[in-house]
Amino acid sequence: MTQTAPPPVAKPPAVRAKRTGETPGAARSVRTVISPLALAGRRGKVIYWSVFTLVVLLFAFAFLFPVYWMVTGAMKPPEEVVRTPPTLVPEQWRVSGYTDAWDLMRLPTHLWNTVVQATGAWVLQIVFCTAAAYALSKLKPAFGNVILGGILATLMVPVQALVVPKYLTIADMPLIHVNLLNDPLAIWLPAVANAFNLYLLKRFFDQIPRDVLEAAEIDGAGKLRTLWSIVLPLSRPVLGVVSIFALVAVWQDFLWPLMVFSDTEKQPISVALVQLSQNVPLTVLIGAMVIASIPMVLMFLVFQRHIIAGISAGSTKG
């Protein structure tokens, strides 16, 4: 009768380290390209910070140089903008590119049109997407998963394939037969049906502990009161992210506003820049693009904390 050898007994980390000549706990350490011992020395610190500074400067240059080129391009004379080789610093600093853009391209009118369209789309999207996400996440309606699956299925349809059905719907609203062309509602209503933002809100609501909502119910709060007083205050990070997505989507959209706004006085800034660019100098056009990008930059600076918090909000469960 043959006897099988007993399974090998795992050696403690201290024993393994002693046999291999390593210090205890070294077997569990993570190996890197440069050892921590080398980085701890003076030469290692100098090399590390030199490489780190160089990489940061390269990335900063890659992102900020186009912005600098656009801002200074509007301050050059028209002949200097197209000069070869180009000049990094304007030979003559002029602000007429910005002032002419403000007057010739009627930027106040088009910026106000864009603000109205973006604000209305943002408000309606926050209201309806939040309500739908709360219902699908916490109220658990019948066939909720089927409804959510149908909503997410719209993300698989190319945006270009929906342009014609949306246009026909806006041109002749079903049942009421109202034409919404050249009306801000033509931007607001399609923006409400945003499956991505709805799913983003639902996933965040799923992470809110059920105990918190049950405590509110014990205190006598209804469903709407719970949403207003409990869920929304806890959802500020994701609401900030959804707000950014909603505003940027309307602000930078071009094809849909071009189709629904034939009246030039009602066109947003994205369409007006293209429509009026053929009759103005290049420096004026560059100045108009700089002015049009300022609101988005300011909005990012205001909401950047909410963006970072919203990105990291889904990494842990409450």
C-alpha atoms as a PDB file:
ATOM      1  CA  MET A   1       0.000   0.000   0.000  1.00  0.00           C
ATOM      2  CA  THR A   2       1.527   3.280  -1.112  1.00  0.00           C
ATOM      3  CA  GLN A   3       1.534   6.291   1.143  1.00  0.00           C
ATOM      4  CA  THR A   4       1.031   9.789  -0.227  1.00  0.00           C
ATOM      5  CA  ALA A   5       3.344  12.516   0.912  1.00  0.00           C
ATOM      6  CA  PRO A   6       1.794  15.073   3.263  1.00  0.00           C
ATOM      7  CA  PRO A   7       1.138  18.518   1.753  1.00  0.00           C
ATOM      8  CA  PRO A   8       3.905  21.053   2.310  1.00  0.00           C
ATOM      9  CA  VAL A   9       3.440  23.251   5.326  1.00  0.00           C
ATOM     10  CA  ALA A  10       3.515  26.970   4.612  1.00  0.00           C
ATOM     11  CA  LYS A  11       6.389  28.665   6.341  1.00  0.00           C
ATOM     12  CA  PRO A  12       5.756  31.825   8.352  1.00  0.00           C
ATOM     13  CA  PRO A  13       6.852  35.072   6.698  1.00  0.00           C
ATOM     14  CA  ALA A  14       9.725  35.471   9.189  1.00  0.00           C
ATOM     15  CA  VAL A  15      11.065  31.983   8.375  1.00  0.00           C
ATOM     16  CA  ARG A  16      10.789  32.563   4.624  1.00  0.00           C
ATOM     17  CA  ALA A  17      12.500  35.923   4.960  1.00  0.00           C
ATOM     18  CA  LYS A  18      15.298  34.370   7.028  1.00  0.00           C
ATOM     19  CA  ARG A  19      15.919  31.622   4.468  1.00  0.00           C
ATOM     20  CA  THR A  20      15.889  34.042   1.519  1.00  0.00           C
ATOM     21  CA  GLY A  21      17.934  36.697   3.245  1.00  0.00           C
ATOM     22  CA  GLU A  22      15.128  39.295   3.266  1.00  0.00           C
ATOM     23  CA  THR A  23      13.758  41.267   6.163  1.00  0.00           C
ATOM     24  CA  PRO A  24      10.365  40.259   7.616  1.00  0.00           C
ATOM     25  CA  GLY A  25       7.520  41.752   5.629  1.00  0.00           C
ATOM     26  CA  ALA A  26       9.635  42.302   2.523  1.00  0.00           C
ATOM     27  CA  ALA A  27       7.857  39.433   0.752  1.00  0.00           C
ATOM     28  CA  ARG A  28       4.622  41.412   0.883  1.00  0.00           C
ATOM     29  CA  SER A  29       6.113  44.683  -0.364  1.00  0.00           C
ATOM     30  CA  VAL A  30       5.242  45.897  -3.830  1.00  0.00           C
ATOM     31  CA  ARG A  31       8.150  46.048  -6.247  1.00  0.00           C
ATOM     32  CA  THR A  32       8.555  49.283  -8.195  1.00  0.00           C
ATOM     33  CA  VAL A  33      10.848  50.488 -10.953  1.00  0.00           C
ATOM     34  CA  ILE A  34      12.870  52.512  -8.459  1.00  0.00           C
ATOM     35  CA  SER A  35      13.243  51.149  -4.962  1.00  0.00           C
ATOM     36  CA  PRO A  36      12.150  53.274  -1.987  1.00  0.00           C
ATOM     37  CA  LEU A  37      15.744  53.112  -0.726  1.00  0.00           C
ATOM     38  CA  ALA A  38      17.020  54.775  -3.900  1.00  0.00           C
ATOM     39  CA  LEU A  39      14.334  57.448  -3.713  1.00  0.00           C
ATOM     40  CA  ALA A  40      15.190  58.188  -0.102  1.00  0.00           C
ATOM     41  CA  GLY A  41      18.687  59.320  -1.047  1.00  0.00           C
ATOM     42  CA  ARG A  42      19.576  62.834  -2.139  1.00  0.00           C
ATOM     43  CA  ARG A  43      20.281  61.823  -5.721  1.00  0.00           C
ATOM     44  CA  GLY A  44      17.026  59.891  -5.943  1.00  0.00           C
ATOM     45  CA  LYS A  45      15.017  62.865  -4.704  1.00  0.00           C
ATOM     46  CA  VAL A  46      16.667  65.174  -7.203  1.00  0.00           C
ATOM     47  CA  ILE A  47      15.980  62.817 -10.109  1.00  0.00           C
ATOM     48  CA  TYR A  48      12.402  62.158  -8.970  1.00  0.00           C
ATOM     49  CA  TRP A  49      11.435  65.817  -8.593  1.00  0.00           C
ATOM     50  CA  SER A  50      13.223  66.758 -11.820  1.00  0.00           C
ATOM     51  CA  VAL A  51      11.275  64.168 -13.833  1.00  0.00           C
ATOM     52  CA  PHE A  52       8.028  65.034 -12.042  1.00  0.00           C
ATOM     53  CA  THR A  53       8.449  68.768 -12.722  1.00  0.00           C
ATOM     54  CA  LEU A  54       9.325  68.137 -16.376  1.00  0.00           C
ATOM     55  CA  VAL A  55       6.235  65.973 -16.928  1.00  0.00           C
ATOM     56  CA  VAL A  56       3.936  68.514 -15.247  1.00  0.00           C
ATOM     57  CA  LEU A  57       5.380  71.355 -17.331  1.00  0.00           C
ATOM     58  CA  LEU A  58       4.976  69.381 -20.552  1.00  0.00           C
ATOM     59  CA  PHE A  59       1.332  68.583 -19.809  1.00  0.00           C
ATOM     60  CA  ALA A  60       0.649  72.176 -18.756  1.00  0.00           C
ATOM     61  CA  PHE A  61       2.245  73.457 -21.960  1.00  0.00           C
ATOM     62  CA  ALA A  62       0.239  71.022 -24.104  1.00  0.00           C
ATOM     63  CA  PHE A  63      -3.056  72.154 -22.572  1.00  0.00           C
ATOM     64  CA  LEU A  64      -2.423  75.865 -22.008  1.00  0.00           C
ATOM     65  CA  PHE A  65      -0.514  76.813 -25.156  1.00  0.00           C
ATOM     66  CA  PRO A  66      -3.583  76.531 -27.469  1.00  0.00           C
ATOM     67  CA  VAL A  67      -5.476  78.776 -25.063  1.00  0.00           C
ATOM     68  CA  TYR A  68      -2.633  81.301 -25.069  1.00  0.00           C
ATOM     69  CA  TRP A  69      -2.448  81.157 -28.860  1.00  0.00           C
ATOM     70  CA  MET A  70      -6.173  81.838 -29.180  1.00  0.00           C
ATOM     71  CA  VAL A  71      -6.202  84.708 -26.658  1.00  0.00           C
ATOM     72  CA  THR A  72      -3.187  86.448 -28.172  1.00  0.00           C
ATOM     73  CA  GLY A  73      -4.339  85.760 -31.740  1.00  0.00           C
ATOM     74  CA  ALA A  74      -7.244  88.169 -31.308  1.00  0.00           C
ATOM     75  CA  MET A  75      -4.789  90.877 -30.213  1.00  0.00           C
ATOM     76  CA  LYS A  76      -2.711  90.735 -33.403  1.00  0.00           C
ATOM     77  CA  PRO A  77      -3.321  92.604 -36.656  1.00  0.00           C
ATOM     78  CA  PRO A  78      -4.969  90.432 -39.361  1.00  0.00           C
ATOM     79  CA  GLU A  79      -1.781  90.250 -41.422  1.00  0.00           C
ATOM     80  CA  GLU A  80       0.262  89.119 -38.410  1.00  0.00           C
ATOM     81  CA  VAL A  81      -2.096  86.225 -37.644  1.00  0.00           C
ATOM     82  CA  VAL A  82      -1.460  84.579 -41.025  1.00  0.00           C
ATOM     83  CA  ARG A  83       2.253  85.391 -41.114  1.00  0.00           C
ATOM     84  CA  THR A  84       4.741  82.563 -41.703  1.00  0.00           C
ATOM     85  CA  PRO A  85       6.612  81.880 -39.491  1.00  0.00           C
ATOM     86  CA  PRO A  86       4.128  82.906 -36.790  1.00  0.00           C
ATOM     87  CA  THR A  87       4.953  85.256 -33.945  1.00  0.00           C
ATOM     88  CA  LEU A  88       4.591  83.935 -30.413  1.00  0.00           C
ATOM     89  CA  VAL A  89       4.130  87.413 -28.930  1.00  0.00           C
ATOM     90  CA  PRO A  90       2.048  90.054 -30.735  1.00  0.00           C
ATOM     91  CA  GLU A  91       4.161  92.871 -32.133  1.00  0.00           C
ATOM     92  CA  GLN A  92       1.271  95.270 -31.608  1.00  0.00           C
ATOM     93  CA  TRP A  93      -1.147  94.584 -28.750  1.00  0.00           C
ATOM     94  CA  ARG A  94      -4.675  95.465 -29.830  1.00  0.00           C
ATOM     95  CA  VAL A  95      -8.030  94.819 -28.178  1.00  0.00           C
ATOM     96  CA  SER A  96     -10.039  95.772 -31.247  1.00  0.00           C
ATOM     97  CA  GLY A  97     -10.479  92.085 -32.057  1.00  0.00           C
ATOM     98  CA  TYR A  98     -12.606  91.629 -28.957  1.00  0.00           C
ATOM     99  CA  THR A  99     -14.522  94.904 -29.219  1.00  0.00           C
ATOM    100  CA  ASP A 100     -15.294  94.366 -32.902  1.00  0.00           C
ATOM    101  CA  ALA A 101     -16.416  90.816 -32.193  1.00  0.00           C
ATOM    102  CA  TRP A 102     -18.732  92.049 -29.456  1.00  0.00           C
ATOM    103  CA  ASP A 103     -20.372  94.560 -31.806  1.00  0.00           C
ATOM    104  CA  LEU A 104     -20.146  93.099 -35.317  1.00  0.00           C
ATOM    105  CA  MET A 105     -21.198  89.549 -34.417  1.00  0.00           C
ATOM    106  CA  ARG A 106     -23.907  90.677 -31.960  1.00  0.00           C
ATOM    107  CA  LEU A 107     -22.473  88.522 -29.203  1.00  0.00           C
ATOM    108  CA  PRO A 108     -24.740  89.853 -26.410  1.00  0.00           C
ATOM    109  CA  THR A 109     -27.842  88.677 -28.279  1.00  0.00           C
ATOM    110  CA  HIS A 110     -26.476  85.240 -29.124  1.00  0.00           C
ATOM    111  CA  LEU A 111     -24.941  84.718 -25.692  1.00  0.00           C
ATOM    112  CA  TRP A 112     -28.268  85.544 -24.077  1.00  0.00           C
ATOM    113  CA  ASN A 113     -30.025  83.087 -26.407  1.00  0.00           C
ATOM    114  CA  THR A 114     -27.549  80.408 -25.373  1.00  0.00           C
ATOM    115  CA  VAL A 115     -27.998  81.166 -21.677  1.00  0.00           C
ATOM    116  CA  VAL A 116     -31.791  80.911 -21.975  1.00  0.00           C
ATOM    117  CA  GLN A 117     -31.616  77.638 -23.891  1.00  0.00           C
ATOM    118  CA  ALA A 118     -29.002  76.060 -21.616  1.00  0.00           C
ATOM    119  CA  THR A 119     -30.685  77.176 -18.381  1.00  0.00           C
ATOM    120  CA  GLY A 120     -34.103  75.881 -19.408  1.00  0.00           C
ATOM    121  CA  ALA A 121     -32.675  72.542 -20.532  1.00  0.00           C
ATOM    122  CA  TRP A 122     -30.713  72.237 -17.265  1.00  0.00           C
ATOM    123  CA  VAL A 123     -33.710  72.997 -15.035  1.00  0.00           C
ATOM    124  CA  LEU A 124     -36.059  70.614 -16.824  1.00  0.00           C
ATOM    125  CA  GLN A 125     -33.430  67.893 -16.970  1.00  0.00           C
ATOM    126  CA  ILE A 126     -32.656  68.165 -13.260  1.00  0.00           C
ATOM    127  CA  VAL A 127     -36.352  68.053 -12.326  1.00  0.00           C
ATOM    128  CA  PHE A 128     -37.500  65.203 -14.546  1.00  0.00           C
ATOM    129  CA  CYS A 129     -34.345  63.070 -14.536  1.00  0.00           C
ATOM    130  CA  THR A 130     -34.107  63.323 -10.752  1.00  0.00           C
ATOM    131  CA  ALA A 131     -37.765  62.363 -10.321  1.00  0.00           C
ATOM    132  CA  ALA A 132     -37.462  59.434 -12.737  1.00  0.00           C
ATOM    133  CA  ALA A 133     -34.219  58.196 -11.167  1.00  0.00           C
ATOM    134  CA  TYR A 134     -35.694  58.427  -7.657  1.00  0.00           C
ATOM    135  CA  ALA A 135     -38.774  56.481  -8.736  1.00  0.00           C
ATOM    136  CA  LEU A 136     -36.738  53.734 -10.403  1.00  0.00           C
ATOM    137  CA  SER A 137     -34.273  53.501  -7.522  1.00  0.00           C
ATOM    138  CA  LYS A 138     -36.366  53.837  -4.353  1.00  0.00           C
ATOM    139  CA  LEU A 139     -40.048  53.541  -5.226  1.00  0.00           C
ATOM    140  CA  LYS A 140     -39.576  50.287  -7.180  1.00  0.00           C
ATOM    141  CA  PRO A 141     -42.443  50.631  -9.707  1.00  0.00           C
ATOM    142  CA  ALA A 142     -43.857  47.677 -11.587  1.00  0.00           C
ATOM    143  CA  PHE A 143     -41.689  46.660 -14.542  1.00  0.00           C
ATOM    144  CA  GLY A 144     -39.055  49.135 -13.339  1.00  0.00           C
ATOM    145  CA  ASN A 145     -36.175  47.068 -14.702  1.00  0.00           C
ATOM    146  CA  VAL A 146     -37.892  46.778 -18.082  1.00  0.00           C
ATOM    147  CA  ILE A 147     -38.408  50.544 -18.218  1.00  0.00           C
ATOM    148  CA  LEU A 148     -34.800  51.171 -17.232  1.00  0.00           C
ATOM    149  CA  GLY A 149     -33.596  48.717 -19.860  1.00  0.00           C
ATOM    150  CA  GLY A 150     -35.655  50.478 -22.515  1.00  0.00           C
ATOM    151  CA  ILE A 151     -34.227  53.839 -21.486  1.00  0.00           C
ATOM    152  CA  LEU A 152     -30.661  52.558 -21.570  1.00  0.00           C
ATOM    153  CA  ALA A 153     -31.300  50.952 -24.959  1.00  0.00           C
ATOM    154  CA  THR A 154     -31.633  54.438 -26.442  1.00  0.00           C
ATOM    155  CA  LEU A 155     -27.930  54.957 -25.720  1.00  0.00           C
ATOM    156  CA  MET A 156     -27.178  52.346 -28.378  1.00  0.00           C
ATOM    157  CA  VAL A 157     -28.930  54.379 -31.093  1.00  0.00           C
ATOM    158  CA  PRO A 158     -26.654  56.832 -32.940  1.00  0.00           C
ATOM    159  CA  VAL A 159     -27.496  60.469 -32.328  1.00  0.00           C
ATOM    160  CA  GLN A 160     -27.646  61.140 -36.054  1.00  0.00           C
ATOM    161  CA  ALA A 161     -30.402  58.561 -36.457  1.00  0.00           C
ATOM    162  CA  LEU A 162     -32.630  60.499 -34.034  1.00  0.00           C
ATOM    163  CA  VAL A 163     -32.293  63.886 -35.711  1.00  0.00           C
ATOM    164  CA  VAL A 164     -35.029  63.397 -38.298  1.00  0.00           C
ATOM    165  CA  PRO A 165     -37.636  61.915 -35.881  1.00  0.00           C
ATOM    166  CA  LYS A 166     -36.937  64.703 -33.383  1.00  0.00           C
ATOM    167  CA  TYR A 167     -37.269  67.368 -36.068  1.00  0.00           C
ATOM    168  CA  LEU A 168     -40.582  65.985 -37.306  1.00  0.00           C
ATOM    169  CA  THR A 169     -41.856  65.851 -33.737  1.00  0.00           C
ATOM    170  CA  ILE A 170     -40.825  69.447 -33.010  1.00  0.00           C
ATOM    171  CA  ALA A 171     -42.220  70.714 -36.312  1.00  0.00           C
ATOM    172  CA  ASP A 172     -45.633  69.167 -35.565  1.00  0.00           C
ATOM    173  CA  MET A 173     -46.161  68.107 -31.959  1.00  0.00           C
ATOM    174  CA  PRO A 174     -48.341  64.987 -31.735  1.00  0.00           C
ATOM    175  CA  LEU A 175     -51.913  65.441 -30.482  1.00  0.00           C
ATOM    176  CA  ILE A 176     -51.650  69.218 -29.992  1.00  0.00           C
ATOM    177  CA  HIS A 177     -50.193  69.977 -33.485  1.00  0.00           C
ATOM    178  CA  VAL A 178     -48.012  72.904 -32.404  1.00  0.00           C
ATOM    179  CA  ASN A 179     -44.909  74.038 -34.281  1.00  0.00           C
ATOM    180  CA  LEU A 180     -41.993  74.630 -31.884  1.00  0.00           C
ATOM    181  CA  LEU A 181     -39.413  75.718 -34.440  1.00  0.00           C
ATOM    182  CA  ASN A 182     -37.580  78.930 -33.495  1.00  0.00           C
ATOM    183  CA  ASP A 183     -38.720  78.386 -29.914  1.00  0.00           C
ATOM    184  CA  PRO A 184     -36.536  77.539 -26.886  1.00  0.00           C
ATOM    185  CA  LEU A 185     -38.813  74.568 -26.196  1.00  0.00           C
ATOM    186  CA  ALA A 186     -37.272  72.924 -29.244  1.00  0.00           C
ATOM    187  CA  ILE A 187     -34.035  72.737 -27.207  1.00  0.00           C
ATOM    188  CA  TRP A 188     -35.548  72.114 -23.785  1.00  0.00           C
ATOM    189  CA  LEU A 189     -37.839  69.173 -24.520  1.00  0.00           C
ATOM    190  CA  PRO A 190     -35.341  66.893 -26.315  1.00  0.00           C
ATOM    191  CA  ALA A 191     -32.731  67.651 -23.638  1.00  0.00           C
ATOM    192  CA  VAL A 192     -35.005  66.256 -20.912  1.00  0.00           C
ATOM    193  CA  ALA A 193     -34.774  62.721 -22.324  1.00  0.00           C
ATOM    194  CA  ASN A 194     -31.152  62.139 -21.315  1.00  0.00           C
ATOM    195  CA  ALA A 195     -30.667  58.463 -20.548  1.00  0.00           C
ATOM    196  CA  PHE A 196     -27.064  58.806 -19.413  1.00  0.00           C
ATOM    197  CA  ASN A 197     -27.766  61.436 -16.742  1.00  0.00           C
ATOM    198  CA  LEU A 198     -30.817  59.503 -15.573  1.00  0.00           C
ATOM    199  CA  TYR A 199     -28.760  56.345 -15.130  1.00  0.00           C
ATOM    200  CA  LEU A 200     -26.020  58.320 -13.366  1.00  0.00           C
ATOM    201  CA  LEU A 201     -28.547  59.675 -10.876  1.00  0.00           C
ATOM    202  CA  LYS A 202     -30.153  56.279 -10.343  1.00  0.00           C
ATOM    203  CA  ARG A 203     -26.826  54.612  -9.581  1.00  0.00           C
ATOM    204  CA  PHE A 204     -26.081  57.291  -6.999  1.00  0.00           C
ATOM    205  CA  PHE A 205     -29.525  56.947  -5.411  1.00  0.00           C
ATOM    206  CA  ASP A 206     -28.988  53.183  -5.162  1.00  0.00           C
ATOM    207  CA  GLN A 207     -26.047  53.817  -2.842  1.00  0.00           C
ATOM    208  CA  ILE A 208     -28.069  55.863  -0.347  1.00  0.00           C
ATOM    209  CA  PRO A 209     -28.699  53.614   2.686  1.00  0.00           C
ATOM    210  CA  ARG A 210     -32.228  52.358   3.023  1.00  0.00           C
ATOM    211  CA  ASP A 211     -32.103  52.985   6.776  1.00  0.00           C
ATOM    212  CA  VAL A 212     -31.963  56.733   6.212  1.00  0.00           C
ATOM    213  CA  LEU A 213     -35.141  56.675   4.133  1.00  0.00           C
ATOM    214  CA  GLU A 214     -36.911  54.395   6.598  1.00  0.00           C
ATOM    215  CA  ALA A 215     -36.037  56.770   9.445  1.00  0.00           C
ATOM    216  CA  ALA A 216     -37.624  59.607   7.468  1.00  0.00           C
ATOM    217  CA  GLU A 217     -40.756  57.504   6.927  1.00  0.00           C
ATOM    218  CA  ILE A 218     -40.984  56.789  10.665  1.00  0.00           C
ATOM    219  CA  ASP A 219     -40.852  60.527  11.311  1.00  0.00           C
ATOM    220  CA  GLY A 220     -43.841  60.953   9.001  1.00  0.00           C
ATOM    221  CA  ALA A 221     -42.120  62.206   5.845  1.00  0.00           C
ATOM    222  CA  GLY A 222     -43.793  61.301   2.581  1.00  0.00           C
ATOM    223  CA  LYS A 223     -42.079  60.260  -0.622  1.00  0.00           C
ATOM    224  CA  LEU A 224     -41.803  63.804  -1.975  1.00  0.00           C
ATOM    225  CA  ARG A 225     -40.624  65.170   1.378  1.00  0.00           C
ATOM    226  CA  THR A 226     -37.994  62.443   1.598  1.00  0.00           C
ATOM    227  CA  LEU A 227     -36.748  63.307  -1.872  1.00  0.00           C
ATOM    228  CA  TRP A 228     -36.542  67.027  -1.093  1.00  0.00           C
ATOM    229  CA  SER A 229     -35.122  66.897   2.437  1.00  0.00           C
ATOM    230  CA  ILE A 230     -33.042  63.701   2.433  1.00  0.00           C
ATOM    231  CA  VAL A 231     -32.104  62.494  -1.031  1.00  0.00           C
ATOM    232  CA  LEU A 232     -31.322  65.789  -2.761  1.00  0.00           C
ATOM    233  CA  PRO A 233     -29.017  67.178  -0.019  1.00  0.00           C
ATOM    234  CA  LEU A 234     -27.063  63.909  -0.084  1.00  0.00           C
ATOM    235  CA  SER A 235     -26.884  64.035  -3.887  1.00  0.00           C
ATOM    236  CA  ARG A 236     -25.164  67.386  -4.328  1.00  0.00           C
ATOM    237  CA  PRO A 237     -22.001  65.873  -5.868  1.00  0.00           C
ATOM    238  CA  VAL A 238     -23.824  63.946  -8.582  1.00  0.00           C
ATOM    239  CA  LEU A 239     -26.222  66.836  -9.200  1.00  0.00           C
ATOM    240  CA  GLY A 240     -23.190  69.036  -9.852  1.00  0.00           C
ATOM    241  CA  VAL A 241     -21.836  66.546 -12.380  1.00  0.00           C
ATOM    242  CA  VAL A 242     -25.208  66.216 -14.109  1.00  0.00           C
ATOM    243  CA  SER A 243     -25.499  70.010 -14.222  1.00  0.00           C
ATOM    244  CA  ILE A 244     -22.136  70.277 -15.946  1.00  0.00           C
ATOM    245  CA  PHE A 245     -23.085  67.624 -18.492  1.00  0.00           C
ATOM    246  CA  ALA A 246     -26.446  69.258 -19.184  1.00  0.00           C
ATOM    247  CA  LEU A 247     -25.097  72.781 -19.629  1.00  0.00           C
ATOM    248  CA  VAL A 248     -22.084  71.800 -21.723  1.00  0.00           C
ATOM    249  CA  ALA A 249     -24.205  69.590 -23.999  1.00  0.00           C
ATOM    250  CA  VAL A 250     -26.495  72.503 -24.894  1.00  0.00           C
ATOM    251  CA  TRP A 251     -23.724  75.095 -25.032  1.00  0.00           C
ATOM    252  CA  GLN A 252     -21.583  73.198 -27.541  1.00  0.00           C
ATOM    253  CA  ASP A 253     -24.367  71.636 -29.627  1.00  0.00           C
ATOM    254  CA  PHE A 254     -24.393  72.824 -33.223  1.00  0.00           C
ATOM    255  CA  LEU A 255     -26.393  70.545 -35.522  1.00  0.00           C
ATOM    256  CA  TRP A 256     -29.698  70.553 -33.647  1.00  0.00           C
ATOM    257  CA  PRO A 257     -29.864  74.356 -33.038  1.00  0.00           C
ATOM    258  CA  LEU A 258     -28.917  74.916 -36.675  1.00  0.00           C
ATOM    259  CA  MET A 259     -31.926  72.855 -37.753  1.00  0.00           C
ATOM    260  CA  VAL A 260     -34.550  74.303 -35.427  1.00  0.00           C
ATOM    261  CA  PHE A 261     -33.509  77.981 -35.447  1.00  0.00           C
ATOM    262  CA  SER A 262     -33.817  79.543 -38.890  1.00  0.00           C
ATOM    263  CA  ASP A 263     -34.265  82.990 -37.335  1.00  0.00           C
ATOM    264  CA  THR A 264     -30.766  84.444 -36.910  1.00  0.00           C
ATOM    265  CA  GLU A 265     -31.867  86.605 -33.974  1.00  0.00           C
ATOM    266  CA  LYS A 266     -32.704  83.488 -31.948  1.00  0.00           C
ATOM    267  CA  GLN A 267     -29.664  81.374 -32.764  1.00  0.00           C
ATOM    268  CA  PRO A 268     -27.223  80.376 -29.995  1.00  0.00           C
ATOM    269  CA  ILE A 269     -23.562  81.330 -30.010  1.00  0.00           C
ATOM    270  CA  SER A 270     -22.396  78.013 -31.504  1.00  0.00           C
ATOM    271  CA  VAL A 271     -24.470  78.553 -34.651  1.00  0.00           C
ATOM    272  CA  ALA A 272     -23.909  82.316 -34.867  1.00  0.00           C
ATOM    273  CA  LEU A 273     -20.124  81.936 -34.918  1.00  0.00           C
ATOM    274  CA  VAL A 274     -20.351  79.783 -38.031  1.00  0.00           C
ATOM    275  CA  GLN A 275     -23.056  81.782 -39.758  1.00  0.00           C
ATOM    276  CA  LEU A 276     -21.333  85.154 -39.281  1.00  0.00           C
ATOM    277  CA  SER A 277     -17.711  84.033 -39.697  1.00  0.00           C
ATOM    278  CA  GLN A 278     -17.599  84.558 -43.472  1.00  0.00           C
ATOM    279  CA  ASN A 279     -17.942  88.334 -43.350  1.00  0.00           C
ATOM    280  CA  VAL A 280     -15.568  89.235 -40.519  1.00  0.00           C
ATOM    281  CA  PRO A 281     -11.760  89.319 -40.217  1.00  0.00           C
ATOM    282  CA  LEU A 282      -9.965  86.362 -38.707  1.00  0.00           C
ATOM    283  CA  THR A 283      -8.953  88.282 -35.576  1.00  0.00           C
ATOM    284  CA  VAL A 284     -12.593  89.191 -34.928  1.00  0.00           C
ATOM    285  CA  LEU A 285     -13.609  85.552 -35.254  1.00  0.00           C
ATOM    286  CA  ILE A 286     -10.879  84.458 -32.843  1.00  0.00           C
ATOM    287  CA  GLY A 287     -11.967  87.120 -30.355  1.00  0.00           C
ATOM    288  CA  ALA A 288     -15.570  85.913 -30.601  1.00  0.00           C
ATOM    289  CA  MET A 289     -14.474  82.330 -29.882  1.00  0.00           C
ATOM    290  CA  VAL A 290     -12.525  83.489 -26.826  1.00  0.00           C
ATOM    291  CA  ILE A 291     -15.543  85.383 -25.483  1.00  0.00           C
ATOM    292  CA  ALA A 292     -17.835  82.411 -26.173  1.00  0.00           C
ATOM    293  CA  SER A 293     -15.567  80.058 -24.204  1.00  0.00           C
ATOM    294  CA  ILE A 294     -15.341  82.249 -21.084  1.00  0.00           C
ATOM    295  CA  PRO A 295     -18.695  81.151 -19.539  1.00  0.00           C
ATOM    296  CA  MET A 296     -17.769  77.465 -19.777  1.00  0.00           C
ATOM    297  CA  VAL A 297     -14.375  78.084 -18.190  1.00  0.00           C
ATOM    298  CA  LEU A 298     -15.950  80.044 -15.337  1.00  0.00           C
ATOM    299  CA  MET A 299     -18.562  77.342 -14.823  1.00  0.00           C
ATOM    300  CA  PHE A 300     -15.860  74.690 -14.562  1.00  0.00           C
ATOM    301  CA  LEU A 301     -13.924  76.758 -12.019  1.00  0.00           C
ATOM    302  CA  VAL A 302     -17.073  77.149  -9.914  1.00  0.00           C
ATOM    303  CA  PHE A 303     -18.164  73.508 -10.086  1.00  0.00           C
ATOM    304  CA  GLN A 304     -14.787  71.770 -10.144  1.00  0.00           C
ATOM    305  CA  ARG A 305     -15.136  70.663  -6.505  1.00  0.00           C
ATOM    306  CA  HIS A 306     -18.513  69.110  -7.276  1.00  0.00           C
ATOM    307  CA  ILE A 307     -17.100  67.406 -10.372  1.00  0.00           C
ATOM    308  CA  ILE A 308     -14.307  65.749  -8.402  1.00  0.00           C
ATOM    309  CA  ALA A 309     -16.702  64.770  -5.613  1.00  0.00           C
ATOM    310  CA  GLY A 310     -19.191  63.359  -8.105  1.00  0.00           C
ATOM    311  CA  ILE A 311     -16.532  61.274  -9.855  1.00  0.00           C
ATOM    312  CA  SER A 312     -15.371  59.772  -6.559  1.00  0.00           C
ATOM    313  CA  ALA A 313     -18.893  59.395  -5.168  1.00  0.00           C
ATOM    314  CA  GLY A 314     -19.513  56.110  -6.955  1.00  0.00           C
ATOM    315  CA  SER A 315     -16.332  54.474  -5.650  1.00  0.00           C
ATOM    316  CA  THR A 316     -17.755  53.708  -2.197  1.00  0.00           C
ATOM    317  CA  LYS A 317     -21.146  52.701  -0.974  1.00  0.00           C
ATOM    318  CA  GLY A 318     -22.842  54.594   1.827  1.00  0.00           C
END
